[in-house]
PDB file of all heavy atoms in Angstrom:
ATOM      1  N   TRP A   1       2.456  -9.970   0.721  1.00  0.00           N
ATOM      2  CA  TRP A   1       2.263  -8.595   0.300  1.00  0.00           C
ATOM      3  C   TRP A   1       0.824  -8.389  -0.221  1.00  0.00           C
ATOM      4  O   TRP A   1       0.265  -7.310  -0.038  1.00  0.00           O
ATOM      5  CB  TRP A   1       3.272  -8.222  -0.798  1.00  0.00           C
ATOM      6  CG  TRP A   1       4.630  -8.001  -0.254  1.00  0.00           C
ATOM      7  CD1 TRP A   1       5.664  -8.885  -0.239  1.00  0.00           C
ATOM      8  CD2 TRP A   1       5.106  -6.835   0.414  1.00  0.00           C
ATOM      9  NE1 TRP A   1       6.744  -8.349   0.392  1.00  0.00           N
ATOM     10  CE2 TRP A   1       6.433  -7.074   0.781  1.00  0.00           C
ATOM     11  CE3 TRP A   1       4.530  -5.604   0.733  1.00  0.00           C
ATOM     12  CZ2 TRP A   1       7.206  -6.131   1.467  1.00  0.00           C
ATOM     13  CZ3 TRP A   1       5.289  -4.665   1.403  1.00  0.00           C
ATOM     14  CH2 TRP A   1       6.598  -4.928   1.782  1.00  0.00           C
ATOM     15  N   ARG A   2       0.257  -9.367  -0.844  1.00  0.00           N
ATOM     16  CA  ARG A   2      -1.089  -9.190  -1.395  1.00  0.00           C
ATOM     17  C   ARG A   2      -2.086  -8.929  -0.260  1.00  0.00           C
ATOM     18  O   ARG A   2      -2.963  -8.073  -0.396  1.00  0.00           O
ATOM     19  CB  ARG A   2      -1.513 -10.448  -2.186  1.00  0.00           C
ATOM     20  CG  ARG A   2      -2.897 -10.283  -2.789  1.00  0.00           C
ATOM     21  CD  ARG A   2      -3.229 -11.391  -3.747  1.00  0.00           C
ATOM     22  NE  ARG A   2      -4.559 -11.214  -4.326  1.00  0.00           N
ATOM     23  CZ  ARG A   2      -5.078 -11.991  -5.239  1.00  0.00           C
ATOM     24  NH1 ARG A   2      -4.384 -13.032  -5.719  1.00  0.00           N
ATOM     25  NH2 ARG A   2      -6.300 -11.754  -5.716  1.00  0.00           N
ATOM     26  N   THR A   3      -1.938  -9.625   0.852  1.00  0.00           N
ATOM     27  CA  THR A   3      -2.823  -9.358   1.996  1.00  0.00           C
ATOM     28  C   THR A   3      -2.679  -7.947   2.513  1.00  0.00           C
ATOM     29  O   THR A   3      -3.667  -7.267   2.857  1.00  0.00           O
ATOM     30  CB  THR A   3      -2.524 -10.356   3.121  1.00  0.00           C
ATOM     31  OG1 THR A   3      -2.674 -11.697   2.636  1.00  0.00           O
ATOM     32  CG2 THR A   3      -3.451 -10.140   4.295  1.00  0.00           C
ATOM     33  N   ALA A   4      -1.417  -7.454   2.542  1.00  0.00           N
ATOM     34  CA  ALA A   4      -1.151  -6.108   3.015  1.00  0.00           C
ATOM     35  C   ALA A   4      -1.856  -5.090   2.082  1.00  0.00           C
ATOM     36  O   ALA A   4      -2.502  -4.140   2.537  1.00  0.00           O
ATOM     37  CB  ALA A   4       0.324  -5.855   3.060  1.00  0.00           C
ATOM     38  N   PHE A   5      -1.695  -5.284   0.777  1.00  0.00           N
ATOM     39  CA  PHE A   5      -2.303  -4.345  -0.172  1.00  0.00           C
ATOM     40  C   PHE A   5      -3.824  -4.402  -0.113  1.00  0.00           C
ATOM     41  O   PHE A   5      -4.494  -3.371  -0.204  1.00  0.00           O
ATOM     42  CB  PHE A   5      -1.827  -4.650  -1.602  1.00  0.00           C
ATOM     43  CG  PHE A   5      -0.367  -4.362  -1.836  1.00  0.00           C
ATOM     44  CD1 PHE A   5       0.438  -5.224  -2.555  1.00  0.00           C
ATOM     45  CD2 PHE A   5       0.227  -3.201  -1.331  1.00  0.00           C
ATOM     46  CE1 PHE A   5       1.775  -4.978  -2.770  1.00  0.00           C
ATOM     47  CE2 PHE A   5       1.581  -2.922  -1.549  1.00  0.00           C
ATOM     48  CZ  PHE A   5       2.322  -3.824  -2.255  1.00  0.00           C
ATOM     49  N   GLU A   6      -4.360  -5.573   0.049  1.00  0.00           N
ATOM     50  CA  GLU A   6      -5.846  -5.700   0.116  1.00  0.00           C
ATOM     51  C   GLU A   6      -6.388  -5.068   1.395  1.00  0.00           C
ATOM     52  O   GLU A   6      -7.527  -4.578   1.407  1.00  0.00           O
ATOM     53  CB  GLU A   6      -6.244  -7.186   0.054  1.00  0.00           C
ATOM     54  CG  GLU A   6      -6.053  -7.783  -1.346  1.00  0.00           C
ATOM     55  CD  GLU A   6      -6.416  -9.248  -1.404  1.00  0.00           C
ATOM     56  OE1 GLU A   6      -6.594  -9.858  -0.329  1.00  0.00           O
ATOM     57  OE2 GLU A   6      -6.521  -9.794  -2.536  1.00  0.00           O
ATOM     58  N   THR A   7      -5.578  -5.045   2.433  1.00  0.00           N
ATOM     59  CA  THR A   7      -6.012  -4.358   3.669  1.00  0.00           C
ATOM     60  C   THR A   7      -6.151  -2.858   3.420  1.00  0.00           C
ATOM     61  O   THR A   7      -7.108  -2.205   3.864  1.00  0.00           O
ATOM     62  CB  THR A   7      -4.983  -4.612   4.803  1.00  0.00           C
ATOM     63  OG1 THR A   7      -4.874  -6.011   5.039  1.00  0.00           O
ATOM     64  CG2 THR A   7      -5.433  -3.890   6.077  1.00  0.00           C
ATOM     65  N   LEU A   8      -5.199  -2.288   2.657  1.00  0.00           N
ATOM     66  CA  LEU A   8      -5.286  -0.865   2.291  1.00  0.00           C
ATOM     67  C   LEU A   8      -6.523  -0.620   1.402  1.00  0.00           C
ATOM     68  O   LEU A   8      -7.179   0.397   1.551  1.00  0.00           O
ATOM     69  CB  LEU A   8      -4.020  -0.427   1.589  1.00  0.00           C
ATOM     70  CG  LEU A   8      -2.760  -0.327   2.464  1.00  0.00           C
ATOM     71  CD1 LEU A   8      -1.519  -0.129   1.602  1.00  0.00           C
ATOM     72  CD2 LEU A   8      -2.902   0.774   3.484  1.00  0.00           C
ATOM     73  N   ALA A   9      -6.799  -1.555   0.507  1.00  0.00           N
ATOM     74  CA  ALA A   9      -7.992  -1.392  -0.338  1.00  0.00           C
ATOM     75  C   ALA A   9      -9.261  -1.406   0.511  1.00  0.00           C
ATOM     76  O   ALA A   9     -10.193  -0.620   0.294  1.00  0.00           O
ATOM     77  CB  ALA A   9      -8.044  -2.506  -1.377  1.00  0.00           C
ATOM     78  N   ARG A  10      -9.302  -2.280   1.530  1.00  0.00           N
ATOM     79  CA  ARG A  10     -10.457  -2.330   2.399  1.00  0.00           C
ATOM     80  C   ARG A  10     -10.614  -1.034   3.189  1.00  0.00           C
ATOM     81  O   ARG A  10     -11.737  -0.493   3.345  1.00  0.00           O
ATOM     82  CB  ARG A  10     -10.323  -3.512   3.359  1.00  0.00           C
ATOM     83  CG  ARG A  10     -11.435  -3.613   4.394  1.00  0.00           C
ATOM     84  CD  ARG A  10     -11.262  -4.782   5.322  1.00  0.00           C
ATOM     85  NE  ARG A  10      -9.969  -4.786   6.010  1.00  0.00           N
ATOM     86  CZ  ARG A  10      -9.659  -3.995   7.036  1.00  0.00           C
ATOM     87  NH1 ARG A  10     -10.551  -3.138   7.497  1.00  0.00           N
ATOM     88  NH2 ARG A  10      -8.485  -4.124   7.606  1.00  0.00           N
ATOM     89  N   ILE A  11      -9.524  -0.490   3.703  1.00  0.00           N
ATOM     90  CA  ILE A  11      -9.574   0.756   4.480  1.00  0.00           C
ATOM     91  C   ILE A  11     -10.124   1.891   3.605  1.00  0.00           C
ATOM     92  O   ILE A  11     -10.894   2.737   4.062  1.00  0.00           O
ATOM     93  CB  ILE A  11      -8.180   1.125   5.028  1.00  0.00           C
ATOM     94  CG1 ILE A  11      -7.701   0.072   6.039  1.00  0.00           C
ATOM     95  CG2 ILE A  11      -8.199   2.511   5.682  1.00  0.00           C
ATOM     96  CD1 ILE A  11      -6.261   0.261   6.473  1.00  0.00           C
ATOM     97  N   SER A  12      -9.731   1.885   2.330  1.00  0.00           N
ATOM     98  CA  SER A  12     -10.176   2.990   1.453  1.00  0.00           C
ATOM     99  C   SER A  12     -11.630   2.865   1.007  1.00  0.00           C
ATOM    100  O   SER A  12     -12.117   3.778   0.309  1.00  0.00           O
ATOM    101  CB  SER A  12      -9.256   3.019   0.209  1.00  0.00           C
ATOM    102  OG  SER A  12      -9.515   1.929  -0.640  1.00  0.00           O
ATOM    103  N   GLU A  13     -12.299   1.807   1.369  1.00  0.00           N
ATOM    104  CA  GLU A  13     -13.728   1.695   1.035  1.00  0.00           C
ATOM    105  C   GLU A  13     -14.566   2.761   1.782  1.00  0.00           C
ATOM    106  O   GLU A  13     -15.572   3.207   1.270  1.00  0.00           O
ATOM    107  CB  GLU A  13     -14.253   0.313   1.387  1.00  0.00           C
ATOM    108  CG  GLU A  13     -13.700  -0.806   0.496  1.00  0.00           C
ATOM    109  CD  GLU A  13     -14.166  -2.175   0.966  1.00  0.00           C
ATOM    110  OE1 GLU A  13     -14.863  -2.244   1.990  1.00  0.00           O
ATOM    111  OE2 GLU A  13     -13.820  -3.177   0.276  1.00  0.00           O
ATOM    112  N   LYS A  14     -14.081   3.187   2.925  1.00  0.00           N
ATOM    113  CA  LYS A  14     -14.839   4.113   3.766  1.00  0.00           C
ATOM    114  C   LYS A  14     -14.483   5.580   3.470  1.00  0.00           C
ATOM    115  O   LYS A  14     -15.289   6.465   3.713  1.00  0.00           O
ATOM    116  CB  LYS A  14     -14.579   3.831   5.241  1.00  0.00           C
ATOM    117  CG  LYS A  14     -14.980   2.422   5.670  1.00  0.00           C
ATOM    118  CD  LYS A  14     -14.665   2.174   7.141  1.00  0.00           C
ATOM    119  CE  LYS A  14     -15.027   0.776   7.569  1.00  0.00           C
ATOM    120  NZ  LYS A  14     -14.679   0.557   8.996  1.00  0.00           N
ATOM    121  N   GLU A  15     -13.273   5.854   3.000  1.00  0.00           N
ATOM    122  CA  GLU A  15     -12.842   7.213   2.771  1.00  0.00           C
ATOM    123  C   GLU A  15     -11.712   7.237   1.752  1.00  0.00           C
ATOM    124  O   GLU A  15     -11.056   6.233   1.498  1.00  0.00           O
ATOM    125  CB  GLU A  15     -12.361   7.840   4.095  1.00  0.00           C
ATOM    126  CG  GLU A  15     -11.224   7.094   4.721  1.00  0.00           C
ATOM    127  CD  GLU A  15     -10.768   7.708   6.053  1.00  0.00           C
ATOM    128  OE1 GLU A  15     -10.845   8.933   6.160  1.00  0.00           O
ATOM    129  OE2 GLU A  15     -10.333   6.945   6.924  1.00  0.00           O
ATOM    130  N   ARG A  16     -11.476   8.429   1.211  1.00  0.00           N
ATOM    131  CA  ARG A  16     -10.370   8.621   0.286  1.00  0.00           C
ATOM    132  C   ARG A  16      -9.070   8.621   1.084  1.00  0.00           C
ATOM    133  O   ARG A  16      -8.913   9.404   2.040  1.00  0.00           O
ATOM    134  CB  ARG A  16     -10.536   9.946  -0.438  1.00  0.00           C
ATOM    135  CG  ARG A  16      -9.417  10.303  -1.453  1.00  0.00           C
ATOM    136  CD  ARG A  16      -9.520   9.413  -2.666  1.00  0.00           C
ATOM    137  NE  ARG A  16      -8.868  10.002  -3.836  1.00  0.00           N
ATOM    138  CZ  ARG A  16      -8.716   9.360  -4.970  1.00  0.00           C
ATOM    139  NH1 ARG A  16      -9.183   8.090  -5.117  1.00  0.00           N
ATOM    140  NH2 ARG A  16      -8.146   9.932  -6.031  1.00  0.00           N
ATOM    141  N   ILE A  17      -8.158   7.751   0.732  1.00  0.00           N
ATOM    142  CA  ILE A  17      -6.839   7.749   1.413  1.00  0.00           C
ATOM    143  C   ILE A  17      -5.726   7.834   0.394  1.00  0.00           C
ATOM    144  O   ILE A  17      -5.884   7.413  -0.753  1.00  0.00           O
ATOM    145  CB  ILE A  17      -6.641   6.495   2.309  1.00  0.00           C
ATOM    146  CG1 ILE A  17      -6.583   5.219   1.470  1.00  0.00           C
ATOM    147  CG2 ILE A  17      -7.700   6.416   3.389  1.00  0.00           C
ATOM    148  CD1 ILE A  17      -6.156   3.997   2.281  1.00  0.00           C
ATOM    149  N   VAL A  18      -4.615   8.433   0.828  1.00  0.00           N
ATOM    150  CA  VAL A  18      -3.420   8.499   0.019  1.00  0.00           C
ATOM    151  C   VAL A  18      -2.415   7.478   0.597  1.00  0.00           C
ATOM    152  O   VAL A  18      -2.151   7.529   1.813  1.00  0.00           O
ATOM    153  CB  VAL A  18      -2.826   9.909   0.023  1.00  0.00           C
ATOM    154  CG1 VAL A  18      -1.559   9.975  -0.838  1.00  0.00           C
ATOM    155  CG2 VAL A  18      -3.845  10.913  -0.475  1.00  0.00           C
ATOM    156  N   VAL A  19      -1.868   6.640  -0.255  1.00  0.00           N
ATOM    157  CA  VAL A  19      -0.882   5.669   0.173  1.00  0.00           C
ATOM    158  C   VAL A  19       0.418   5.960  -0.575  1.00  0.00           C
ATOM    159  O   VAL A  19       0.476   5.920  -1.797  1.00  0.00           O
ATOM    160  CB  VAL A  19      -1.324   4.232  -0.129  1.00  0.00           C
ATOM    161  CG1 VAL A  19      -0.207   3.238   0.166  1.00  0.00           C
ATOM    162  CG2 VAL A  19      -2.568   3.894   0.705  1.00  0.00           C
ATOM    163  N   ILE A  20       1.460   6.310   0.174  1.00  0.00           N
ATOM    164  CA  ILE A  20       2.758   6.635  -0.393  1.00  0.00           C
ATOM    165  C   ILE A  20       3.755   5.553  -0.005  1.00  0.00           C
ATOM    166  O   ILE A  20       3.964   5.303   1.222  1.00  0.00           O
ATOM    167  CB  ILE A  20       3.273   8.003   0.058  1.00  0.00           C
ATOM    168  CG1 ILE A  20       2.259   9.082  -0.334  1.00  0.00           C
ATOM    169  CG2 ILE A  20       4.624   8.306  -0.560  1.00  0.00           C
ATOM    170  CD1 ILE A  20       1.567   9.706   0.851  1.00  0.00           C
ATOM    171  N   ILE A  21       4.371   4.929  -0.972  1.00  0.00           N
ATOM    172  CA  ILE A  21       5.499   4.024  -0.720  1.00  0.00           C
ATOM    173  C   ILE A  21       6.756   4.670  -1.281  1.00  0.00           C
ATOM    174  O   ILE A  21       6.968   4.742  -2.507  1.00  0.00           O
ATOM    175  CB  ILE A  21       5.266   2.642  -1.401  1.00  0.00           C
ATOM    176  CG1 ILE A  21       3.944   2.035  -0.914  1.00  0.00           C
ATOM    177  CG2 ILE A  21       6.423   1.716  -1.114  1.00  0.00           C
ATOM    178  CD1 ILE A  21       3.584   0.705  -1.586  1.00  0.00           C
ATOM    179  N   ASP A  22       7.528   5.228  -0.383  1.00  0.00           N
ATOM    180  CA  ASP A  22       8.738   5.962  -0.786  1.00  0.00           C
ATOM    181  C   ASP A  22       9.933   5.044  -0.817  1.00  0.00           C
ATOM    182  O   ASP A  22       9.968   4.004  -0.128  1.00  0.00           O
ATOM    183  CB  ASP A  22       8.951   7.126   0.192  1.00  0.00           C
ATOM    184  CG  ASP A  22       9.826   8.219  -0.382  1.00  0.00           C
ATOM    185  OD1 ASP A  22      10.155   8.134  -1.578  1.00  0.00           O
ATOM    186  OD2 ASP A  22      10.149   9.163   0.333  1.00  0.00           O
ATOM    187  N   GLU A  23      10.948   5.437  -1.585  1.00  0.00           N
ATOM    188  CA  GLU A  23      12.163   4.603  -1.776  1.00  0.00           C
ATOM    189  C   GLU A  23      11.785   3.199  -2.237  1.00  0.00           C
ATOM    190  O   GLU A  23      12.293   2.169  -1.741  1.00  0.00           O
ATOM    191  CB  GLU A  23      13.001   4.535  -0.499  1.00  0.00           C
ATOM    192  CG  GLU A  23      13.505   5.885  -0.004  1.00  0.00           C
ATOM    193  CD  GLU A  23      14.550   6.510  -0.944  1.00  0.00           C
ATOM    194  OE1 GLU A  23      14.930   5.854  -1.957  1.00  0.00           O
ATOM    195  OE2 GLU A  23      14.963   7.662  -0.710  1.00  0.00           O
ATOM    196  N   PHE A  24      10.891   3.137  -3.224  1.00  0.00           N
ATOM    197  CA  PHE A  24      10.365   1.858  -3.708  1.00  0.00           C
ATOM    198  C   PHE A  24      11.479   0.965  -4.212  1.00  0.00           C
ATOM    199  O   PHE A  24      11.352  -0.272  -4.175  1.00  0.00           O
ATOM    200  CB  PHE A  24       9.337   2.159  -4.795  1.00  0.00           C
ATOM    201  CG  PHE A  24       8.601   0.935  -5.295  1.00  0.00           C
ATOM    202  CD1 PHE A  24       7.652   0.314  -4.507  1.00  0.00           C
ATOM    203  CD2 PHE A  24       8.884   0.409  -6.564  1.00  0.00           C
ATOM    204  CE1 PHE A  24       6.982  -0.831  -4.941  1.00  0.00           C
ATOM    205  CE2 PHE A  24       8.212  -0.698  -7.015  1.00  0.00           C
ATOM    206  CZ  PHE A  24       7.250  -1.322  -6.224  1.00  0.00           C
ATOM    207  N   THR A  25      12.578   1.542  -4.684  1.00  0.00           N
ATOM    208  CA  THR A  25      13.656   0.706  -5.218  1.00  0.00           C
ATOM    209  C   THR A  25      14.364  -0.104  -4.150  1.00  0.00           C
ATOM    210  O   THR A  25      14.923  -1.161  -4.427  1.00  0.00           O
ATOM    211  CB  THR A  25      14.668   1.571  -5.986  1.00  0.00           C
ATOM    212  OG1 THR A  25      15.022   2.728  -5.219  1.00  0.00           O
ATOM    213  CG2 THR A  25      14.075   2.036  -7.291  1.00  0.00           C
ATOM    214  N   TYR A  26      14.354   0.349  -2.890  1.00  0.00           N
ATOM    215  CA  TYR A  26      14.861  -0.516  -1.809  1.00  0.00           C
ATOM    216  C   TYR A  26      14.003  -1.747  -1.659  1.00  0.00           C
ATOM    217  O   TYR A  26      14.523  -2.865  -1.441  1.00  0.00           O
ATOM    218  CB  TYR A  26      14.868   0.246  -0.478  1.00  0.00           C
ATOM    219  CG  TYR A  26      15.969   1.277  -0.329  1.00  0.00           C
ATOM    220  CD1 TYR A  26      15.762   2.444   0.398  1.00  0.00           C
ATOM    221  CD2 TYR A  26      17.232   1.038  -0.888  1.00  0.00           C
ATOM    222  CE1 TYR A  26      16.767   3.372   0.543  1.00  0.00           C
ATOM    223  CE2 TYR A  26      18.239   1.994  -0.746  1.00  0.00           C
ATOM    224  CZ  TYR A  26      18.010   3.158  -0.034  1.00  0.00           C
ATOM    225  OH  TYR A  26      18.997   4.083   0.104  1.00  0.00           O
ATOM    226  N   LEU A  27      12.728  -1.576  -1.835  1.00  0.00           N
ATOM    227  CA  LEU A  27      11.811  -2.725  -1.758  1.00  0.00           C
ATOM    228  C   LEU A  27      12.013  -3.646  -2.960  1.00  0.00           C
ATOM    229  O   LEU A  27      12.004  -4.885  -2.818  1.00  0.00           O
ATOM    230  CB  LEU A  27      10.357  -2.218  -1.735  1.00  0.00           C
ATOM    231  CG  LEU A  27       9.235  -3.228  -1.492  1.00  0.00           C
ATOM    232  CD1 LEU A  27       9.505  -4.053  -0.279  1.00  0.00           C
ATOM    233  CD2 LEU A  27       7.902  -2.486  -1.370  1.00  0.00           C
ATOM    234  N   LEU A  28      12.255  -3.083  -4.129  1.00  0.00           N
ATOM    235  CA  LEU A  28      12.531  -3.878  -5.330  1.00  0.00           C
ATOM    236  C   LEU A  28      13.817  -4.705  -5.146  1.00  0.00           C
ATOM    237  O   LEU A  28      13.882  -5.868  -5.566  1.00  0.00           O
ATOM    238  CB  LEU A  28      12.695  -2.978  -6.554  1.00  0.00           C
ATOM    239  CG  LEU A  28      11.445  -2.580  -7.304  1.00  0.00           C
ATOM    240  CD1 LEU A  28      11.767  -1.483  -8.323  1.00  0.00           C
ATOM    241  CD2 LEU A  28      10.824  -3.786  -7.999  1.00  0.00           C
ATOM    242  N   ALA A  29      14.818  -4.110  -4.547  1.00  0.00           N
ATOM    243  CA  ALA A  29      16.082  -4.819  -4.360  1.00  0.00           C
ATOM    244  C   ALA A  29      15.938  -6.002  -3.426  1.00  0.00           C
ATOM    245  O   ALA A  29      16.539  -7.060  -3.627  1.00  0.00           O
ATOM    246  CB  ALA A  29      17.141  -3.853  -3.815  1.00  0.00           C
ATOM    247  N   ALA A  30      15.072  -5.846  -2.374  1.00  0.00           N
ATOM    248  CA  ALA A  30      14.900  -6.916  -1.416  1.00  0.00           C
ATOM    249  C   ALA A  30      13.880  -7.939  -1.907  1.00  0.00           C
ATOM    250  O   ALA A  30      13.969  -9.115  -1.574  1.00  0.00           O
ATOM    251  CB  ALA A  30      14.450  -6.338  -0.075  1.00  0.00           C
TER     252      ALA A  30
END
C-alpha cells in the first residue's frame, strides 16, 4: 500500500489532484 500511496504523491507533484477513497471501512475490514 505504501508504494501505491507514494505513486499518488508523485503524480500530484505536477498538478493538484483530488484522491477519493470511498467506502473506506470495507478496506479497513479487509
